[in-house]
């Protein structure tokens, strides 16, 4: 019997979600608790086995909503988060969508929408409500969310365990885009003695140079125009924890010098301060750049480079571990098909061979995008070579390709079910999932309209007889931005 899910509602207004929760028509047993402050939230997340967090975007008085949600998402990766977002703020909704959260709820809160969202969240926590049989596939082997049984990945996992034991040495993680550098950093943190403290990620390429210094080091009141109060930086927030600096090669020289002092002296100075603050944080850095080349060009400090690369960790690209592709496909099928009520699909031998011999410049992230794409367009069907995106048609497949041993991914020549494009549902296997079919059909219509209009959302909205804002919101909710370009 599935365990009772624990739902935590974070809302400063006890008349808001707290009152709404009493109106929820939840078709399952669950425990609902409420917190009204940052302190109560932190204590609840640390001391209780919370499965689902429903949190108002304006909950924290200390931290901006997006920053708080990203922090909780990072430190509690298995937590299903449902943020409450005010209606009529498309930019905020766009930023929320970029966090890759399970779902978000509109504010003012509607009990019906909240009930549906929580029902789906609980199903996600428990897994799909299907009867377990001896034929059910075991979950893919995973190491802190990373999947791979190839010798290259097993060596990487062993290295992570060894690196985590020494929680003082800096680590430089190197790998191509899409290989999962932040996942490696999270695994090192989770394996170390610092695991109960904060893991703080910073993307040095995503934050403008003029803001990165104050984000990292914080500032004092009056340090510059608009600094009306002291603000702690992310280095201080990572005290006794781990600071992960992604794309470190994009950091400007002046900040490199300040970071070097943190590594050497274990202290830092906020912007506008005259006294250094001691800090105990382990620094992990990552880059897809050739830092040695940047050092030779004079754009990256040589002394900082050697300080960062005490322990180098190199992530193998996907093209060098193609034996892991079937395991990854199975994991993504579970994520985007089974857990969302869609039928699994299979590949023809030629289609699977094209996937095996593809170059995978975007690595695991590109493979995940492909499976998400296929799960929407080909639910319950066999995918042929011609069905793959155009870029796979250029792959050179040998006359006798080496096929994967994971034969369950290869079609046995039948069992195509529930083709929603025809409008005819297949009833042979029992009742259909009405909501899933409607959702898939809607998604296909949107993708077709976007393809026909070459990505022009205004024209696509006209073809679909929708308001442009409605179309934009549907694209964000379905997480299909750019899929029509495949």
Protein backbone atom coordinates (compact mmCIF):
# COMPACT_ATOMS: atom_id res chain seq x y z
CA UNK A 1 0.00 0.00 0.00
CA UNK A 2 1.37 3.42 -0.95
CA UNK A 3 2.45 5.65 1.90
CA UNK A 4 0.40 8.70 2.81
CA UNK A 5 1.82 11.77 1.03
CA UNK A 6 2.71 14.78 3.15
CA UNK A 7 1.77 18.13 1.61
CA UNK A 8 3.30 21.30 3.02
CA UNK A 9 1.58 24.63 2.27
CA UNK A 10 3.75 27.75 2.68
CA UNK A 11 1.69 30.94 2.75
CA UNK A 12 2.09 33.99 5.00
CA UNK A 13 -1.65 34.69 4.80
CA UNK A 14 -3.51 32.17 6.95
CA UNK A 15 -6.70 33.18 5.13
CA UNK A 16 -5.24 32.23 1.76
CA UNK A 17 -4.15 28.70 0.92
CA UNK A 18 -4.85 27.58 4.47
CA UNK A 19 -8.55 28.28 3.96
CA UNK A 20 -8.53 26.96 0.40
CA UNK A 21 -7.02 23.65 1.58
CA UNK A 22 -10.21 22.97 3.52
CA UNK A 23 -12.15 23.14 0.25
CA UNK A 24 -9.93 20.71 -1.63
CA UNK A 25 -11.68 17.60 -2.90
CA UNK A 26 -8.71 15.23 -2.79
CA UNK A 27 -9.51 11.65 -3.85
CA UNK A 28 -6.82 10.18 -1.57
CA UNK A 29 -5.60 10.24 2.00
CA UNK A 30 -2.94 12.83 2.66
CA UNK A 31 -1.45 14.94 5.43
CA UNK A 32 -1.61 18.71 4.94
CA UNK A 33 0.44 21.05 7.11
CA UNK A 34 0.94 24.82 6.96
CA UNK A 35 3.91 27.10 7.61
CA UNK A 36 3.82 30.89 7.76
CA UNK A 37 7.50 31.96 7.93
CA UNK A 38 10.92 31.17 6.48
CA UNK A 39 12.01 29.61 9.79
CA UNK A 40 8.98 27.30 9.92
CA UNK A 41 9.56 26.31 6.28
CA UNK A 42 13.21 25.39 6.86
CA UNK A 43 12.38 23.39 9.98
CA UNK A 44 9.56 21.53 8.21
CA UNK A 45 11.72 20.62 5.22
CA UNK A 46 14.57 19.43 7.46
CA UNK A 47 12.61 17.51 10.06
CA UNK A 48 9.65 16.08 8.15
CA UNK A 49 9.30 13.76 5.19
CA UNK A 50 7.55 16.25 2.94
CA UNK A 51 6.56 14.95 -0.51
CA UNK A 52 4.91 18.04 -2.01
CA UNK A 53 5.47 21.75 -1.34
CA UNK A 54 2.79 24.28 -2.33
CA UNK A 55 4.39 27.71 -1.91
CA UNK A 56 3.25 31.25 -2.61
CA UNK A 57 5.77 33.04 -4.84
CA UNK A 58 5.73 35.96 -2.37
CA UNK A 59 6.04 33.74 0.71
CA UNK A 60 9.49 34.79 1.95
CA UNK A 61 10.13 38.18 3.52
CA UNK A 62 13.90 37.60 3.26
CA UNK A 63 14.44 36.00 -0.15
CA UNK A 64 12.91 36.73 -3.56
CA UNK A 65 10.44 34.06 -4.60
CA UNK A 66 12.38 32.67 -7.57
CA UNK A 67 15.61 32.53 -5.57
CA UNK A 68 13.92 30.73 -2.68
CA UNK A 69 12.19 28.21 -4.95
CA UNK A 70 15.42 27.50 -6.84
CA UNK A 71 17.25 27.02 -3.54
CA UNK A 72 14.62 24.59 -2.23
CA UNK A 73 14.65 22.77 -5.59
CA UNK A 74 18.43 22.41 -5.36
CA UNK A 75 18.66 21.27 -1.75
CA UNK A 76 15.59 18.97 -1.98
CA UNK A 77 15.77 17.55 -5.55
CA UNK A 78 13.11 14.87 -4.87
CA UNK A 79 10.54 17.36 -3.60
CA UNK A 80 7.59 18.12 -5.90
CA UNK A 81 7.16 21.92 -5.86
CA UNK A 82 3.95 23.72 -6.88
CA UNK A 83 4.50 27.50 -6.80
CA UNK A 84 1.51 29.86 -6.61
CA UNK A 85 1.99 32.54 -9.29
CA UNK A 86 -0.15 35.68 -9.74
CA UNK A 87 -2.23 35.74 -12.94
CA UNK A 88 -1.29 38.42 -15.47
CA UNK A 89 2.50 38.26 -15.01
CA UNK A 90 3.78 36.44 -18.12
CA UNK A 91 7.46 37.26 -17.46
CA UNK A 92 7.26 35.72 -14.00
CA UNK A 93 5.48 32.67 -15.39
CA UNK A 94 8.21 32.36 -18.03
CA UNK A 95 10.92 32.38 -15.35
CA UNK A 96 9.01 29.82 -13.28
CA UNK A 97 8.72 27.57 -16.35
CA UNK A 98 12.49 27.74 -16.86
CA UNK A 99 13.02 26.17 -13.41
CA UNK A 100 11.60 22.88 -14.79
CA UNK A 101 9.11 22.51 -11.93
CA UNK A 102 6.33 19.93 -11.93
CA UNK A 103 3.48 22.46 -12.28
CA UNK A 104 2.37 25.89 -11.09
CA UNK A 105 -0.97 27.19 -9.79
CA UNK A 106 -2.55 30.52 -10.63
CA UNK A 107 -3.35 33.14 -8.01
CA UNK A 108 -6.08 33.94 -6.93
CA UNK A 109 -6.16 30.26 -6.04
CA UNK A 110 -8.99 28.18 -7.45
CA UNK A 111 -9.88 25.04 -5.41
CA UNK A 112 -10.58 23.01 -8.57
CA UNK A 113 -7.24 23.82 -10.21
CA UNK A 114 -5.40 23.19 -6.93
CA UNK A 115 -7.15 19.84 -6.48
CA UNK A 116 -6.17 18.74 -10.00
CA UNK A 117 -2.58 19.91 -9.51
CA UNK A 118 -2.24 18.09 -6.17
CA UNK A 119 -3.80 14.94 -7.59
CA UNK A 120 -1.22 14.89 -10.39
CA UNK A 121 1.57 15.69 -7.93
CA UNK A 122 0.60 12.80 -5.66
CA UNK A 123 0.45 10.47 -8.66
CA UNK A 124 3.94 11.66 -9.57
CA UNK A 125 5.18 10.94 -6.04
CA UNK A 126 3.55 7.52 -5.85
CA UNK A 127 4.07 6.60 -9.48
CA UNK A 128 1.31 5.68 -11.95
CA UNK A 129 -1.64 3.76 -10.48
CA UNK A 130 -1.07 0.55 -12.42
CA UNK A 131 -1.04 -3.00 -11.18
CA UNK A 132 2.48 -4.22 -10.49
CA UNK A 133 3.29 -7.53 -12.12
CA UNK A 134 6.34 -9.73 -12.42
CA UNK A 135 6.83 -8.35 -15.94
CA UNK A 136 7.24 -4.75 -14.77
CA UNK A 137 10.64 -3.37 -15.68
CA UNK A 138 13.01 -2.59 -12.81
CA UNK A 139 14.03 1.06 -12.53
CA UNK A 140 17.25 1.96 -14.35
CA UNK A 141 20.33 1.85 -12.08
CA UNK A 142 20.96 5.34 -10.77
CA UNK A 143 23.70 7.12 -8.82
CA UNK A 144 22.33 10.38 -7.38
CA UNK A 145 20.07 10.71 -10.41
CA UNK A 146 22.80 9.85 -12.92
CA UNK A 147 22.28 6.76 -15.07
CA UNK A 148 24.99 4.63 -16.59
CA UNK A 149 26.51 1.15 -16.35
CA UNK A 150 29.29 1.76 -18.87
CA UNK A 151 32.89 1.48 -17.60
CA UNK A 152 33.32 5.23 -18.17
CA UNK A 153 30.41 6.11 -15.87
CA UNK A 154 31.35 3.54 -13.23
CA UNK A 155 34.82 5.09 -13.03
CA UNK A 156 33.20 8.51 -12.71
CA UNK A 157 30.94 7.33 -9.85
CA UNK A 158 33.92 5.83 -8.02
CA UNK A 159 35.81 9.10 -8.41
CA UNK A 160 32.87 11.09 -7.02
CA UNK A 161 32.83 8.93 -3.89
CA UNK A 162 36.57 9.43 -3.35
CA UNK A 163 36.40 13.18 -4.04
CA UNK A 164 33.49 13.59 -1.61
CA UNK A 165 35.47 12.07 1.27
CA UNK A 166 37.82 15.06 1.31
CA UNK A 167 35.35 17.93 1.69
CA UNK A 168 37.97 20.69 1.67
CA UNK A 169 39.72 20.29 -1.69
CA UNK A 170 38.38 22.24 -4.65
CA UNK A 171 37.15 20.33 -7.68
CA UNK A 172 37.08 21.38 -11.34
CA UNK A 173 34.36 19.58 -13.32
CA UNK A 174 34.92 19.55 -17.05
CA UNK A 175 32.53 18.34 -19.70
CA UNK A 176 30.64 19.25 -22.83
CA UNK A 177 27.32 21.08 -22.70
CA UNK A 178 24.52 18.76 -21.61
CA UNK A 179 26.67 16.16 -19.84
CA UNK A 180 25.31 16.99 -16.39
CA UNK A 181 28.00 19.02 -14.65
CA UNK A 182 25.62 20.34 -11.99
CA UNK A 183 24.42 16.80 -11.27
CA UNK A 184 28.03 15.79 -10.63
CA UNK A 185 28.42 18.72 -8.23
CA UNK A 186 25.21 17.80 -6.41
CA UNK A 187 26.39 14.19 -6.11
CA UNK A 188 29.72 15.28 -4.59
CA UNK A 189 27.84 17.47 -2.10
CA UNK A 190 25.34 14.70 -1.25
CA UNK A 191 28.15 12.18 -0.65
CA UNK A 192 30.15 14.55 1.57
CA UNK A 193 29.90 15.46 5.24
CA UNK A 194 28.44 18.82 4.16
CA UNK A 195 25.28 17.21 2.78
CA UNK A 196 23.03 18.57 5.55
CA UNK A 197 24.03 22.17 4.73
CA UNK A 198 23.31 24.31 1.68
CA UNK A 199 24.28 23.46 -1.87
CA UNK A 200 24.40 26.82 -3.65
CA UNK A 201 24.72 26.87 -7.48
CA UNK A 202 25.77 29.99 -9.37
CA UNK A 203 25.86 30.18 -13.17
CA UNK A 204 28.59 32.74 -13.84
CA UNK A 205 27.55 33.06 -17.49
CA UNK A 206 23.89 33.76 -16.71
CA UNK A 207 24.41 36.69 -14.31
CA UNK A 208 25.65 40.02 -15.75
CA UNK A 209 29.17 41.00 -14.67
CA UNK A 210 27.95 44.09 -12.82
CA UNK A 211 25.61 41.95 -10.68
CA UNK A 212 27.73 38.83 -10.18
CA UNK A 213 29.98 40.43 -7.56
CA UNK A 214 27.10 41.45 -5.30
CA UNK A 215 25.38 38.08 -5.87
CA UNK A 216 28.49 36.20 -4.77
CA UNK A 217 29.87 38.43 -2.02
CA UNK A 218 26.78 40.37 -0.93
CA UNK A 219 26.89 44.05 0.00
CA UNK A 220 26.51 46.42 2.93
CA UNK A 221 23.95 49.14 3.39
CA UNK A 222 24.96 52.24 1.45
CA UNK A 223 27.57 50.44 -0.69
CA UNK A 224 25.91 51.87 -3.79
CA UNK A 225 22.71 53.61 -4.84
CA UNK A 226 19.77 51.40 -3.96
CA UNK A 227 21.61 49.40 -1.28
CA UNK A 228 19.16 50.20 1.50
CA UNK A 229 20.08 47.22 3.69
CA UNK A 230 22.79 44.61 4.15
CA UNK A 231 22.44 41.66 1.80
CA UNK A 232 24.31 38.38 2.32
CA UNK A 233 25.87 36.85 -0.79
CA UNK A 234 25.78 33.29 -1.99
CA UNK A 235 29.24 32.59 -0.59
CA UNK A 236 27.95 33.35 2.88
CA UNK A 237 24.80 31.33 2.22
CA UNK A 238 27.05 28.36 1.37
CA UNK A 239 28.91 28.57 4.70
CA UNK A 240 29.58 24.99 5.94
CA UNK A 241 28.06 23.81 2.67
CA UNK A 242 29.06 23.73 -0.99
CA UNK A 243 29.31 26.57 -3.53
CA UNK A 244 29.05 25.43 -7.16
CA UNK A 245 30.37 27.91 -9.74
CA UNK A 246 29.16 26.84 -13.17
CA UNK A 247 30.84 28.26 -16.31
CA UNK A 248 33.70 29.66 -14.23
CA UNK A 249 35.55 30.54 -17.44
CA UNK A 250 33.13 33.45 -17.99
CA UNK A 251 34.06 35.20 -14.72
CA UNK A 252 35.79 38.57 -15.18
CA UNK A 253 39.36 39.12 -13.92
CA UNK A 254 38.51 41.36 -10.96
CA UNK A 255 36.17 38.73 -9.53
CA UNK A 256 38.73 36.01 -10.15
CA UNK A 257 41.09 37.85 -7.79
CA UNK A 258 38.43 38.10 -5.07
CA UNK A 259 37.53 34.43 -5.47
CA UNK A 260 41.21 33.50 -5.15
CA UNK A 261 41.29 35.18 -1.75
CA UNK A 262 38.29 33.13 -0.63
CA UNK A 263 40.17 29.96 -1.58
CA UNK A 264 43.43 31.04 0.02
CA UNK A 265 42.32 32.87 3.16
CA UNK A 266 38.89 31.31 3.77
CA UNK A 267 37.33 34.77 4.08
CA UNK A 268 35.62 37.37 1.90
CA UNK A 269 34.57 41.00 1.95
CA UNK A 270 31.05 42.07 0.94
CA UNK A 271 30.83 45.01 -1.46
CA UNK A 272 31.29 48.18 0.58
CA UNK A 273 32.65 46.39 3.67
CA UNK A 274 35.99 47.05 5.35
CA UNK A 275 36.20 43.90 7.42
CA UNK A 276 36.59 40.37 6.08
CA UNK A 277 34.12 37.67 7.10
CA UNK A 278 35.43 34.12 7.68
CA UNK A 279 33.68 31.41 5.72
CA UNK A 280 33.89 27.62 5.54
CA UNK A 281 32.62 26.57 2.14
CA UNK A 282 33.79 23.99 -0.33
CA UNK A 283 34.03 25.36 -3.86
CA UNK A 284 33.24 23.22 -6.89
CA UNK A 285 33.70 24.79 -10.32
CA UNK A 286 32.65 23.65 -13.78
CA UNK A 287 33.30 24.69 -17.35
CA UNK A 288 32.94 23.49 -20.91
CA UNK A 289 35.83 25.79 -21.92
CA UNK A 290 39.51 24.94 -22.22
CA UNK A 291 40.78 26.84 -19.16
CA UNK A 292 44.40 26.11 -20.07
CA UNK A 293 43.81 27.96 -23.34
CA UNK A 294 42.20 30.87 -21.49
CA UNK A 295 45.21 31.01 -19.15
CA UNK A 296 47.59 31.15 -22.12
CA UNK A 297 45.47 33.94 -23.64
CA UNK A 298 45.63 35.90 -20.38
CA UNK A 299 41.86 35.95 -19.78
CA UNK A 300 41.92 33.54 -16.83
CA UNK A 301 44.27 33.77 -13.85
CA UNK A 302 46.85 31.00 -13.76
CA UNK A 303 47.01 30.95 -9.94
CA UNK A 304 43.23 30.60 -9.72
CA UNK A 305 43.26 27.81 -12.28
CA UNK A 306 45.67 25.74 -10.22
CA UNK A 307 43.69 26.46 -7.05
CA UNK A 308 40.48 25.26 -8.69
CA UNK A 309 41.83 22.15 -10.40
CA UNK A 310 43.22 20.42 -7.31
CA UNK A 311 40.99 17.48 -8.27
CA UNK A 312 39.89 17.46 -11.93
CA UNK A 313 36.75 15.51 -12.83
CA UNK A 314 36.13 14.86 -16.53
CA UNK A 315 32.65 13.79 -17.68
CA UNK A 316 32.61 11.50 -20.73
CA UNK A 317 30.38 12.73 -23.59
CA UNK A 318 27.41 10.56 -24.54
CA UNK A 319 29.00 9.52 -27.85
CA UNK A 320 31.76 7.76 -25.85
CA UNK A 321 29.30 5.70 -23.78
CA UNK A 322 26.55 4.73 -26.22
CA UNK A 323 25.91 1.52 -24.25
CA UNK A 324 24.15 3.75 -21.69
CA UNK A 325 21.67 5.13 -24.24
CA UNK A 326 19.03 2.37 -23.73
CA UNK A 327 19.07 2.93 -19.95
CA UNK A 328 18.67 6.67 -20.45
CA UNK A 329 15.83 6.14 -22.92
CA UNK A 330 14.02 3.90 -20.42
CA UNK A 331 14.41 6.53 -17.69
CA UNK A 332 13.12 9.34 -19.94
CA UNK A 333 10.26 7.15 -21.15
CA UNK A 334 9.21 6.69 -17.53
CA UNK A 335 9.48 10.43 -16.90
CA UNK A 336 7.67 11.69 -20.00
CA UNK A 337 5.37 8.78 -20.88
CA UNK A 338 4.45 6.51 -17.96
CA UNK A 339 4.41 9.21 -15.27
CA UNK A 340 2.24 11.45 -17.47
CA UNK A 341 -0.30 8.79 -18.42
CA UNK A 342 0.95 8.29 -21.98
CA UNK A 343 1.60 4.99 -23.72
CA UNK A 344 5.23 3.97 -24.20
CA UNK A 345 6.55 3.91 -27.75
CA UNK A 346 9.06 1.64 -29.47
CA UNK A 347 11.65 2.08 -32.23
CA UNK A 348 12.19 0.29 -35.48
CA UNK A 349 15.68 -1.28 -35.69
CA UNK A 350 16.83 1.37 -38.18
CA UNK A 351 15.56 4.23 -36.00
CA UNK A 352 17.38 2.83 -32.96
CA UNK A 353 20.54 2.38 -35.00
CA UNK A 354 20.38 6.03 -36.10
CA UNK A 355 20.10 7.05 -32.45
CA UNK A 356 23.10 4.86 -31.58
CA UNK A 357 25.36 6.33 -34.28
CA UNK A 358 24.25 9.96 -33.89
CA UNK A 359 26.97 12.39 -32.72
CA UNK A 360 24.99 13.77 -29.70
CA UNK A 361 26.57 17.21 -29.49
CA UNK A 362 24.00 18.15 -26.85
CA UNK A 363 24.72 14.92 -24.93
CA UNK A 364 22.19 13.63 -22.36
CA UNK A 365 20.17 16.86 -22.47
CA UNK A 366 19.66 16.43 -26.23
CA UNK A 367 18.60 12.79 -25.78
CA UNK A 368 16.10 13.79 -23.09
CA UNK A 369 14.65 16.44 -25.40
CA UNK A 370 14.24 13.85 -28.16
CA UNK A 371 12.38 11.39 -25.91
CA UNK A 372 10.11 14.17 -24.60
CA UNK A 373 9.41 15.18 -28.21
CA UNK A 374 8.66 11.60 -29.27
CA UNK A 375 6.44 10.90 -26.24
CA UNK A 376 4.17 13.77 -27.26
CA UNK A 377 3.98 13.02 -30.98
CA UNK A 378 4.15 9.20 -31.02
CA UNK A 379 2.47 7.97 -27.82
CA UNK A 380 1.86 4.22 -28.09
CA UNK A 381 3.30 3.96 -31.59
CA UNK A 382 6.35 2.56 -33.34
CA UNK A 383 8.87 5.23 -34.35
CA UNK A 384 10.40 4.66 -37.77
CA UNK A 385 13.58 6.16 -39.14
CA UNK A 386 11.53 8.64 -41.18
CA UNK A 387 9.77 9.85 -38.01
CA UNK A 388 12.99 11.03 -36.38
CA UNK A 389 13.95 14.74 -36.69
CA UNK A 390 15.78 15.71 -39.87
CA UNK A 391 19.22 15.82 -38.21
CA UNK A 392 19.09 12.03 -37.66
CA UNK A 393 18.57 11.41 -41.38
CA UNK A 394 22.17 12.45 -42.01
CA UNK A 395 23.59 9.73 -39.73
CA UNK A 396 25.77 7.16 -41.48
CA UNK A 397 24.59 3.73 -40.36
CA UNK A 398 26.91 0.75 -41.10
CA UNK A 399 25.59 -2.14 -43.18
CA UNK A 400 25.68 -4.31 -40.05
CA UNK A 401 25.03 -1.93 -37.17
CA UNK A 402 25.59 -3.03 -33.59
CA UNK A 403 22.15 -3.01 -31.99
CA UNK A 404 21.53 -2.56 -28.30
CA UNK A 405 20.74 -5.57 -26.13
CA UNK A 406 17.75 -3.64 -24.68
CA UNK A 407 15.35 -5.28 -27.13
CA UNK A 408 12.23 -4.00 -25.32
CA UNK A 409 12.89 -0.66 -27.03
CA UNK A 410 12.57 -2.29 -30.47
CA UNK A 411 9.11 -2.82 -31.90
CA UNK A 412 7.87 -6.40 -32.22
CA UNK A 413 5.74 -5.34 -35.17
CA UNK A 414 2.41 -4.29 -33.78
CA UNK A 415 0.39 -2.96 -30.85
CA UNK A 416 -0.10 0.60 -32.03
CA UNK A 417 -2.74 2.04 -29.74
CA UNK A 418 -4.61 5.26 -29.14
CA UNK A 419 -3.70 7.27 -32.23
CA UNK A 420 -5.19 10.62 -31.25
CA UNK A 421 -4.50 12.22 -34.63
CA UNK A 422 -7.21 10.14 -36.28
CA UNK A 423 -9.83 11.01 -33.69
CA UNK A 424 -10.56 7.29 -33.12
CA UNK A 425 -9.64 5.88 -29.69
CA UNK A 426 -8.71 2.19 -29.39
CA UNK A 427 -10.82 0.36 -26.80
CA UNK A 428 -9.45 -3.17 -27.03
CA UNK A 429 -7.24 -2.87 -23.94
CA UNK A 430 -9.94 -1.32 -21.73
CA UNK A 431 -10.91 2.23 -20.70
CA UNK A 432 -8.94 5.10 -22.20
CA UNK A 433 -7.29 7.99 -20.40
CA UNK A 434 -9.53 10.79 -21.69
CA UNK A 435 -7.56 13.72 -20.23
CA UNK A 436 -4.24 12.38 -21.50
CA UNK A 437 -5.63 11.87 -25.02
CA UNK A 438 -7.07 15.38 -25.13
CA UNK A 439 -3.82 16.86 -23.83
CA UNK A 440 -1.75 15.00 -26.44
CA UNK A 441 -4.09 15.97 -29.27
CA UNK A 442 -3.97 19.62 -28.17
CA UNK A 443 -0.17 19.48 -28.07
CA UNK A 444 -0.01 18.04 -31.58
CA UNK A 445 -2.30 20.78 -32.93
CA UNK A 446 -0.11 23.48 -31.38
CA UNK A 447 3.10 21.93 -32.79
CA UNK A 448 1.53 21.62 -36.24
CA UNK A 449 0.38 25.25 -36.18
CA UNK A 450 3.81 26.44 -35.08
CA UNK A 451 5.47 24.45 -37.86
CA UNK A 452 3.07 25.81 -40.49
CA UNK A 453 3.77 29.40 -39.39
CA UNK A 454 7.55 28.90 -39.00
CA UNK A 455 7.33 29.69 -35.30
CA UNK A 456 5.19 32.84 -35.62
CA UNK A 457 3.10 32.64 -32.44
CA UNK A 458 0.69 35.39 -33.45
CA UNK A 459 -0.14 33.66 -36.74
CA UNK A 460 -0.32 30.25 -35.06
CA UNK A 461 -2.78 31.63 -32.51
CA UNK A 462 -4.93 32.90 -35.41
CA UNK A 463 -4.92 29.44 -37.05
CA UNK A 464 -5.91 27.82 -33.75
CA UNK A 465 -8.53 30.50 -33.03
CA UNK A 466 -6.83 31.25 -29.69
CA UNK A 467 -5.66 34.42 -28.03
CA UNK A 468 -1.90 34.84 -28.37
CA UNK A 469 -1.49 34.99 -24.57
CA UNK A 470 -3.45 31.73 -24.23
CA UNK A 471 -1.19 30.04 -26.77
CA UNK A 472 1.95 31.28 -25.00
CA UNK A 473 0.73 29.97 -21.66
CA UNK A 474 -0.11 26.55 -23.14
CA UNK A 475 3.35 26.31 -24.72
CA UNK A 476 4.98 27.09 -21.38
CA UNK A 477 2.78 24.71 -19.38
CA UNK A 478 3.45 21.88 -21.82
CA UNK A 479 7.19 22.70 -21.93
CA UNK A 480 7.28 22.42 -25.74
CA UNK A 481 9.07 25.66 -26.57
CA UNK A 482 11.15 25.16 -29.73
CA UNK A 483 10.04 21.56 -30.38
CA UNK A 484 8.47 22.60 -33.70
CA UNK A 485 11.99 23.45 -34.94
CA UNK A 486 13.16 19.85 -34.70
